[in-house]
Amino acid sequence: MDYLKRFWSWLSVKVKEYWNLMLGKTTIDEKIVETYNEVKDKVEDVIEDVQERVSEVKEEWQDVKDALEEVVDQAEDVVEAAKGKNKRGRPRKK
């Protein structure tokens, strides 16, 4: 009977060790998953911010392009005025 008590004691110790090992791995895995989800959320937030900035920069560049086109048109008018050409417009009434 003594050997059964020793075996039972040894088995209970091994089961506890195995249980603690599995519990420890589960905790680490859960921590890894939690950290992964946090990092994923942060990365998604950064991606959204960058996409918003890109769209705002595109809009500003479009505004700059439109303004430059207007400047070119005005510069052409200045050149024509310097040449002394008549300004086009409505014909005079007689």
Protein backbone atom coordinates (compact mmCIF):
# COMPACT_ATOMS: atom_id res chain seq x y z
CA MET A 1 0.00 0.00 0.00
CA ASP A 2 2.89 2.33 0.63
CA TYR A 3 3.82 2.34 -3.04
CA LEU A 4 0.23 3.38 -3.97
CA LYS A 5 0.44 6.36 -1.60
CA ARG A 6 3.78 7.40 -3.09
CA PHE A 7 2.42 6.93 -6.62
CA TRP A 8 -0.70 8.95 -5.82
CA SER A 9 1.41 11.70 -4.27
CA TRP A 10 3.73 11.74 -7.28
CA LEU A 11 0.78 11.75 -9.71
CA SER A 12 -0.96 14.60 -7.89
CA VAL A 13 2.25 16.68 -7.98
CA LYS A 14 2.68 16.03 -11.72
CA VAL A 15 -0.96 16.87 -12.45
CA LYS A 16 -0.59 20.15 -10.52
CA GLU A 17 2.63 20.95 -12.40
CA TYR A 18 0.98 20.22 -15.74
CA TRP A 19 -2.09 22.25 -14.77
CA ASN A 20 0.08 25.23 -13.77
CA LEU A 21 2.05 24.89 -16.99
CA MET A 22 -1.11 24.94 -19.11
CA LEU A 23 -2.59 27.77 -17.07
CA GLY A 24 0.59 29.76 -17.47
CA LYS A 25 0.61 29.26 -21.23
CA THR A 26 -3.00 30.30 -21.45
CA THR A 27 -2.27 33.50 -19.56
CA ILE A 28 0.66 34.30 -21.83
CA ASP A 29 -1.43 33.57 -24.91
CA GLU A 30 -4.23 35.78 -23.61
CA LYS A 31 -1.76 38.57 -22.91
CA ILE A 32 -0.33 38.22 -26.40
CA VAL A 33 -3.79 38.35 -27.94
CA GLU A 34 -4.70 41.38 -25.84
CA THR A 35 -1.48 43.18 -26.80
CA TYR A 36 -2.02 42.27 -30.45
CA ASN A 37 -5.55 43.71 -30.38
CA GLU A 38 -4.33 46.91 -28.74
CA VAL A 39 -1.58 47.35 -31.32
CA LYS A 40 -4.00 46.55 -34.13
CA ASP A 41 -6.42 49.23 -32.87
CA LYS A 42 -3.63 51.80 -32.63
CA VAL A 43 -2.40 50.99 -36.13
CA GLU A 44 -5.93 51.30 -37.52
CA ASP A 45 -6.27 54.72 -35.84
CA VAL A 46 -2.97 55.86 -37.34
CA ILE A 47 -4.02 54.61 -40.79
CA GLU A 48 -7.30 56.53 -40.55
CA ASP A 49 -5.44 59.70 -39.50
CA VAL A 50 -2.99 59.37 -42.38
CA GLN A 51 -5.80 58.79 -44.87
CA GLU A 52 -7.59 61.91 -43.62
CA ARG A 53 -4.39 63.93 -43.93
CA VAL A 54 -3.80 62.64 -47.45
CA SER A 55 -7.30 63.62 -48.55
CA GLU A 56 -6.90 67.08 -47.00
CA VAL A 57 -3.55 67.56 -48.76
CA LYS A 58 -5.13 66.52 -52.07
CA GLU A 59 -7.88 69.11 -51.59
CA GLU A 60 -5.33 71.81 -50.79
CA TRP A 61 -3.26 70.94 -53.86
CA GLN A 62 -6.40 71.20 -55.99
CA ASP A 63 -7.04 74.66 -54.52
CA VAL A 64 -3.45 75.66 -55.29
CA LYS A 65 -3.80 74.38 -58.84
CA ASP A 66 -7.01 76.38 -59.35
CA ALA A 67 -5.37 79.50 -57.92
CA LEU A 68 -2.35 79.10 -60.21
CA GLU A 69 -4.61 78.74 -63.23
CA GLU A 70 -6.30 81.99 -62.24
CA VAL A 71 -2.89 83.67 -61.87
CA VAL A 72 -1.90 82.50 -65.35
CA ASP A 73 -5.13 83.90 -66.81
CA GLN A 74 -4.57 87.22 -65.07
CA ALA A 75 -0.95 87.34 -66.26
CA GLU A 76 -2.11 86.84 -69.85
CA ASP A 77 -4.51 89.75 -69.40
CA VAL A 78 -1.65 91.92 -68.13
CA VAL A 79 0.49 90.99 -71.15
CA GLU A 80 -2.35 91.82 -73.55
CA ALA A 81 -2.94 95.15 -71.81
CA ALA A 82 0.76 95.99 -72.05
CA LYS A 83 0.70 95.29 -75.80
CA GLY A 84 -2.09 97.82 -76.18
CA LYS A 85 -4.73 95.61 -77.69
CA ASN A 86 -8.32 96.61 -77.26
CA LYS A 87 -10.08 94.87 -74.46
CA ARG A 88 -12.71 92.56 -75.79
CA GLY A 89 -16.18 93.07 -74.56
CA ARG A 90 -19.58 94.25 -75.65
CA PRO A 91 -19.70 96.30 -78.80
CA ARG A 92 -20.59 99.95 -78.37
CA LYS A 93 -24.06 101.12 -79.26
CA LYS A 94 -24.18 103.60 -82.11
